[in-house]
Every structure is written in structure tokens, then in C-alpha cells.
Amino acid sequence: MVYYLTAFQKDSSEVLNERFEAATDNEAIRTATLRLKEAQAEKLTHRLTRSGKLLLFCR
């Protein structure tokens, strides 16, 4: 399945805008969480989606 991860600064500029594949939603959430930590974006507004379904969101 294809997932999209985006993270934004307070001024709405994108920090991350990535597409990746994972076998399950839980695997995708783990991958997204690790990627956010690597980019030091875990405390920024972010979202993870699959086919229009919101899986992870933090504001």
C-alpha cells in the first residue's frame, strides 16, 4: 500500500513530503514515526494518509 507523510512548519512551509510503501497501516505508522524523528519534525504539524484515510495526525 502507498502512504503519504507530510510535515509543516508554523508558516505552512513543508518540512517533509514523502511517499512510501508499507504492508500494513501499523508498519506505515512505525515508519512515519521514525522518519519524523530523523527529520526532527515529530513536534511539528504532520499527517500520514493512505487512499484519503488519515492514519496519523498531530497539530
PDB file of N, CA and C in Angstrom:
ATOM      1  N   MET A   1       0.841  -1.178   0.000  1.00  0.00           N
ATOM      2  CA  MET A   1       0.000   0.000   0.000  1.00  0.00           C
ATOM      3  C   MET A   1       0.886   1.242   0.000  1.00  0.00           C
ATOM      4  N   VAL A   2       0.382   2.302  -0.574  1.00  0.00           N
ATOM      5  CA  VAL A   2       1.135   3.546  -0.702  1.00  0.00           C
ATOM      6  C   VAL A   2       0.653   4.536   0.365  1.00  0.00           C
ATOM      7  N   TYR A   3       1.612   5.160   1.044  1.00  0.00           N
ATOM      8  CA  TYR A   3       1.334   6.111   2.116  1.00  0.00           C
ATOM      9  C   TYR A   3       2.015   7.435   1.804  1.00  0.00           C
ATOM     10  N   TYR A   4       1.445   8.507   2.327  1.00  0.00           N
ATOM     11  CA  TYR A   4       1.998   9.848   2.152  1.00  0.00           C
ATOM     12  C   TYR A   4       2.194  10.487   3.522  1.00  0.00           C
ATOM     13  N   LEU A   5       3.399  10.970   3.763  1.00  0.00           N
ATOM     14  CA  LEU A   5       3.754  11.630   5.010  1.00  0.00           C
ATOM     15  C   LEU A   5       4.126  13.071   4.712  1.00  0.00           C
ATOM     16  N   THR A   6       3.484  14.002   5.404  1.00  0.00           N
ATOM     17  CA  THR A   6       3.828  15.417   5.265  1.00  0.00           C
ATOM     18  C   THR A   6       3.978  16.034   6.651  1.00  0.00           C
ATOM     19  N   ALA A   7       4.896  16.985   6.749  1.00  0.00           N
ATOM     20  CA  ALA A   7       5.113  17.736   7.977  1.00  0.00           C
ATOM     21  C   ALA A   7       5.331  19.196   7.596  1.00  0.00           C
ATOM     22  N   PHE A   8       4.818  20.092   8.433  1.00  0.00           N
ATOM     23  CA  PHE A   8       4.823  21.518   8.118  1.00  0.00           C
ATOM     24  C   PHE A   8       5.387  22.349   9.256  1.00  0.00           C
ATOM     25  N   GLN A   9       6.062  23.430   8.886  1.00  0.00           N
ATOM     26  CA  GLN A   9       6.464  24.462   9.843  1.00  0.00           C
ATOM     27  C   GLN A   9       5.228  25.302  10.185  1.00  0.00           C
ATOM     28  N   LYS A  10       5.340  26.155  11.185  1.00  0.00           N
ATOM     29  CA  LYS A  10       4.221  27.023  11.562  1.00  0.00           C
ATOM     30  C   LYS A  10       3.821  27.995  10.457  1.00  0.00           C
ATOM     31  N   ASP A  11       4.774  28.323   9.564  1.00  0.00           N
ATOM     32  CA  ASP A  11       4.459  29.228   8.459  1.00  0.00           C
ATOM     33  C   ASP A  11       3.908  28.480   7.239  1.00  0.00           C
ATOM     34  N   SER A  12       3.566  27.207   7.410  1.00  0.00           N
ATOM     35  CA  SER A  12       2.982  26.326   6.388  1.00  0.00           C
ATOM     36  C   SER A  12       3.986  25.800   5.364  1.00  0.00           C
ATOM     37  N   SER A  13       5.256  26.100   5.513  1.00  0.00           N
ATOM     38  CA  SER A  13       6.238  25.531   4.591  1.00  0.00           C
ATOM     39  C   SER A  13       6.436  24.044   4.923  1.00  0.00           C
ATOM     40  N   GLU A  14       6.655  23.246   3.890  1.00  0.00           N
ATOM     41  CA  GLU A  14       6.804  21.809   4.071  1.00  0.00           C
ATOM     42  C   GLU A  14       8.196  21.447   4.564  1.00  0.00           C
ATOM     43  N   VAL A  15       8.236  20.591   5.550  1.00  0.00           N
ATOM     44  CA  VAL A  15       9.496  20.040   6.040  1.00  0.00           C
ATOM     45  C   VAL A  15       9.691  18.662   5.416  1.00  0.00           C
ATOM     46  N   LEU A  16       8.608  17.898   5.354  1.00  0.00           N
ATOM     47  CA  LEU A  16       8.605  16.577   4.727  1.00  0.00           C
ATOM     48  C   LEU A  16       7.417  16.477   3.786  1.00  0.00           C
ATOM     49  N   ASN A  17       7.621  15.819   2.688  1.00  0.00           N
ATOM     50  CA  ASN A  17       6.539  15.495   1.758  1.00  0.00           C
ATOM     51  C   ASN A  17       6.987  14.241   1.042  1.00  0.00           C
ATOM     52  N   GLU A  18       6.706  13.091   1.657  1.00  0.00           N
ATOM     53  CA  GLU A  18       7.256  11.840   1.174  1.00  0.00           C
ATOM     54  C   GLU A  18       6.179  10.807   0.894  1.00  0.00           C
ATOM     55  N   ARG A  19       6.463   9.964  -0.064  1.00  0.00           N
ATOM     56  CA  ARG A  19       5.611   8.834  -0.425  1.00  0.00           C
ATOM     57  C   ARG A  19       6.416   7.576  -0.143  1.00  0.00           C
ATOM     58  N   PHE A  20       5.795   6.576   0.504  1.00  0.00           N
ATOM     59  CA  PHE A  20       6.481   5.309   0.744  1.00  0.00           C
ATOM     60  C   PHE A  20       5.471   4.180   0.762  1.00  0.00           C
ATOM     61  N   GLU A  21       5.970   2.962   0.704  1.00  0.00           N
ATOM     62  CA  GLU A  21       5.110   1.783   0.714  1.00  0.00           C
ATOM     63  C   GLU A  21       5.334   0.993   1.990  1.00  0.00           C
ATOM     64  N   ALA A  22       4.253   0.374   2.464  1.00  0.00           N
ATOM     65  CA  ALA A  22       4.302  -0.494   3.635  1.00  0.00           C
ATOM     66  C   ALA A  22       3.224  -1.559   3.482  1.00  0.00           C
ATOM     67  N   ALA A  23       3.416  -2.682   4.151  1.00  0.00           N
ATOM     68  CA  ALA A  23       2.479  -3.799   4.035  1.00  0.00           C
ATOM     69  C   ALA A  23       1.197  -3.573   4.838  1.00  0.00           C
ATOM     70  N   THR A  24       1.313  -2.882   5.982  1.00  0.00           N
ATOM     71  CA  THR A  24       0.148  -2.658   6.848  1.00  0.00           C
ATOM     72  C   THR A  24       0.141  -1.217   7.353  1.00  0.00           C
ATOM     73  N   ASP A  25      -1.003  -0.793   7.875  1.00  0.00           N
ATOM     74  CA  ASP A  25      -1.108   0.547   8.454  1.00  0.00           C
ATOM     75  C   ASP A  25      -0.174   0.695   9.652  1.00  0.00           C
ATOM     76  N   ASN A  26      -0.092  -0.334  10.495  1.00  0.00           N
ATOM     77  CA  ASN A  26       0.781  -0.249  11.675  1.00  0.00           C
ATOM     78  C   ASN A  26       2.247  -0.112  11.281  1.00  0.00           C
ATOM     79  N   GLU A  27       2.659  -0.836  10.258  1.00  0.00           N
ATOM     80  CA  GLU A  27       4.031  -0.716   9.763  1.00  0.00           C
ATOM     81  C   GLU A  27       4.275   0.690   9.221  1.00  0.00           C
ATOM     82  N   ALA A  28       3.305   1.243   8.530  1.00  0.00           N
ATOM     83  CA  ALA A  28       3.426   2.595   7.981  1.00  0.00           C
ATOM     84  C   ALA A  28       3.533   3.629   9.096  1.00  0.00           C
ATOM     85  N   ILE A  29       2.762   3.453  10.149  1.00  0.00           N
ATOM     86  CA  ILE A  29       2.816   4.388  11.278  1.00  0.00           C
ATOM     87  C   ILE A  29       4.192   4.329  11.940  1.00  0.00           C
ATOM     88  N   ARG A  30       4.730   3.129  12.107  1.00  0.00           N
ATOM     89  CA  ARG A  30       6.082   2.998  12.687  1.00  0.00           C
ATOM     90  C   ARG A  30       7.127   3.661  11.789  1.00  0.00           C
ATOM     91  N   THR A  31       7.029   3.434  10.486  1.00  0.00           N
ATOM     92  CA  THR A  31       7.967   4.034   9.535  1.00  0.00           C
ATOM     93  C   THR A  31       7.860   5.557   9.567  1.00  0.00           C
ATOM     94  N   ALA A  32       6.643   6.068   9.580  1.00  0.00           N
ATOM     95  CA  ALA A  32       6.425   7.516   9.602  1.00  0.00           C
ATOM     96  C   ALA A  32       6.985   8.131  10.884  1.00  0.00           C
ATOM     97  N   THR A  33       6.761   7.473  12.000  1.00  0.00           N
ATOM     98  CA  THR A  33       7.253   7.980  13.285  1.00  0.00           C
ATOM     99  C   THR A  33       8.778   8.054  13.284  1.00  0.00           C
ATOM    100  N   LEU A  34       9.424   7.027  12.758  1.00  0.00           N
ATOM    101  CA  LEU A  34      10.889   7.043  12.675  1.00  0.00           C
ATOM    102  C   LEU A  34      11.379   8.145  11.744  1.00  0.00           C
ATOM    103  N   ARG A  35      10.717   8.306  10.621  1.00  0.00           N
ATOM    104  CA  ARG A  35      11.112   9.347   9.648  1.00  0.00           C
ATOM    105  C   ARG A  35      10.943  10.738  10.240  1.00  0.00           C
ATOM    106  N   LEU A  36       9.870  10.951  10.995  1.00  0.00           N
ATOM    107  CA  LEU A  36       9.650  12.241  11.651  1.00  0.00           C
ATOM    108  C   LEU A  36      10.764  12.528  12.664  1.00  0.00           C
ATOM    109  N   LYS A  37      11.163  11.513  13.415  1.00  0.00           N
ATOM    110  CA  LYS A  37      12.251  11.691  14.376  1.00  0.00           C
ATOM    111  C   LYS A  37      13.561  12.015  13.670  1.00  0.00           C
ATOM    112  N   GLU A  38      13.845  11.311  12.564  1.00  0.00           N
ATOM    113  CA  GLU A  38      15.077  11.566  11.800  1.00  0.00           C
ATOM    114  C   GLU A  38      15.122  13.005  11.293  1.00  0.00           C
ATOM    115  N   ALA A  39      13.976  13.531  10.881  1.00  0.00           N
ATOM    116  CA  ALA A  39      13.902  14.894  10.342  1.00  0.00           C
ATOM    117  C   ALA A  39      13.678  15.931  11.437  1.00  0.00           C
ATOM    118  N   GLN A  40      13.654  15.487  12.691  1.00  0.00           N
ATOM    119  CA  GLN A  40      13.377  16.352  13.844  1.00  0.00           C
ATOM    120  C   GLN A  40      12.073  17.119  13.638  1.00  0.00           C
ATOM    121  N   ALA A  41      11.055  16.403  13.146  1.00  0.00           N
ATOM    122  CA  ALA A  41       9.768  17.014  12.840  1.00  0.00           C
ATOM    123  C   ALA A  41       8.630  16.413  13.649  1.00  0.00           C
ATOM    124  N   GLU A  42       8.924  15.593  14.654  1.00  0.00           N
ATOM    125  CA  GLU A  42       7.865  14.935  15.411  1.00  0.00           C
ATOM    126  C   GLU A  42       6.995  15.904  16.205  1.00  0.00           C
ATOM    127  N   LYS A  43       7.499  17.100  16.488  1.00  0.00           N
ATOM    128  CA  LYS A  43       6.705  18.085  17.231  1.00  0.00           C
ATOM    129  C   LYS A  43       6.035  19.105  16.323  1.00  0.00           C
ATOM    130  N   LEU A  44       6.265  18.977  15.012  1.00  0.00           N
ATOM    131  CA  LEU A  44       5.617  19.869  14.048  1.00  0.00           C
ATOM    132  C   LEU A  44       4.280  19.267  13.623  1.00  0.00           C
ATOM    133  N   THR A  45       3.452  20.077  12.994  1.00  0.00           N
ATOM    134  CA  THR A  45       2.209  19.568  12.434  1.00  0.00           C
ATOM    135  C   THR A  45       2.553  18.553  11.352  1.00  0.00           C
ATOM    136  N   HIS A  46       1.950  17.358  11.463  1.00  0.00           N
ATOM    137  CA  HIS A  46       2.225  16.316  10.476  1.00  0.00           C
ATOM    138  C   HIS A  46       1.012  15.420  10.287  1.00  0.00           C
ATOM    139  N   ARG A  47       1.031  14.691   9.162  1.00  0.00           N
ATOM    140  CA  ARG A  47      -0.056  13.755   8.881  1.00  0.00           C
ATOM    141  C   ARG A  47       0.469  12.606   8.026  1.00  0.00           C
ATOM    142  N   LEU A  48      -0.178  11.469   8.201  1.00  0.00           N
ATOM    143  CA  LEU A  48       0.103  10.280   7.406  1.00  0.00           C
ATOM    144  C   LEU A  48      -1.225   9.816   6.829  1.00  0.00           C
ATOM    145  N   THR A  49      -1.265   9.627   5.512  1.00  0.00           N
ATOM    146  CA  THR A  49      -2.509   9.226   4.853  1.00  0.00           C
ATOM    147  C   THR A  49      -2.285   8.043   3.924  1.00  0.00           C
ATOM    148  N   ARG A  50      -3.389   7.325   3.676  1.00  0.00           N
ATOM    149  CA  ARG A  50      -3.428   6.236   2.698  1.00  0.00           C
ATOM    150  C   ARG A  50      -4.792   6.288   2.035  1.00  0.00           C
ATOM    151  N   SER A  51      -4.817   6.473   0.752  1.00  0.00           N
ATOM    152  CA  SER A  51      -6.075   6.498  -0.024  1.00  0.00           C
ATOM    153  C   SER A  51      -7.117   7.421   0.609  1.00  0.00           C
ATOM    154  N   GLY A  52      -6.684   8.586   1.055  1.00  0.00           N
ATOM    155  CA  GLY A  52      -7.593   9.551   1.651  1.00  0.00           C
ATOM    156  C   GLY A  52      -7.923   9.295   3.115  1.00  0.00           C
ATOM    157  N   LYS A  53      -7.438   8.201   3.679  1.00  0.00           N
ATOM    158  CA  LYS A  53      -7.689   7.867   5.085  1.00  0.00           C
ATOM    159  C   LYS A  53      -6.571   8.467   5.949  1.00  0.00           C
ATOM    160  N   LEU A  54      -6.944   9.215   6.955  1.00  0.00           N
ATOM    161  CA  LEU A  54      -5.974   9.828   7.856  1.00  0.00           C
ATOM    162  C   LEU A  54      -5.576   8.807   8.931  1.00  0.00           C
ATOM    163  N   LEU A  55      -4.304   8.455   8.975  1.00  0.00           N
ATOM    164  CA  LEU A  55      -3.824   7.445   9.909  1.00  0.00           C
ATOM    165  C   LEU A  55      -3.080   8.038  11.101  1.00  0.00           C
ATOM    166  N   LEU A  56      -2.444   9.165  10.887  1.00  0.00           N
ATOM    167  CA  LEU A  56      -1.649   9.810  11.929  1.00  0.00           C
ATOM    168  C   LEU A  56      -1.752  11.304  11.716  1.00  0.00           C
ATOM    169  N   PHE A  57      -2.030  12.031  12.798  1.00  0.00           N
ATOM    170  CA  PHE A  57      -2.154  13.478  12.678  1.00  0.00           C
ATOM    171  C   PHE A  57      -1.736  14.109  13.991  1.00  0.00           C
ATOM    172  N   CYS A  58      -0.960  15.157  13.910  1.00  0.00           N
ATOM    173  CA  CYS A  58      -0.569  15.915  15.090  1.00  0.00           C
ATOM    174  C   CYS A  58      -0.530  17.383  14.691  1.00  0.00           C
ATOM    175  N   ARG A  59      -1.109  18.212  15.509  1.00  0.00           N
ATOM    176  CA  ARG A  59      -1.154  19.637  15.217  1.00  0.00           C
ATOM    177  C   ARG A  59      -0.402  20.439  16.229  1.00  0.00           C
TER     178      ARG A  59
END
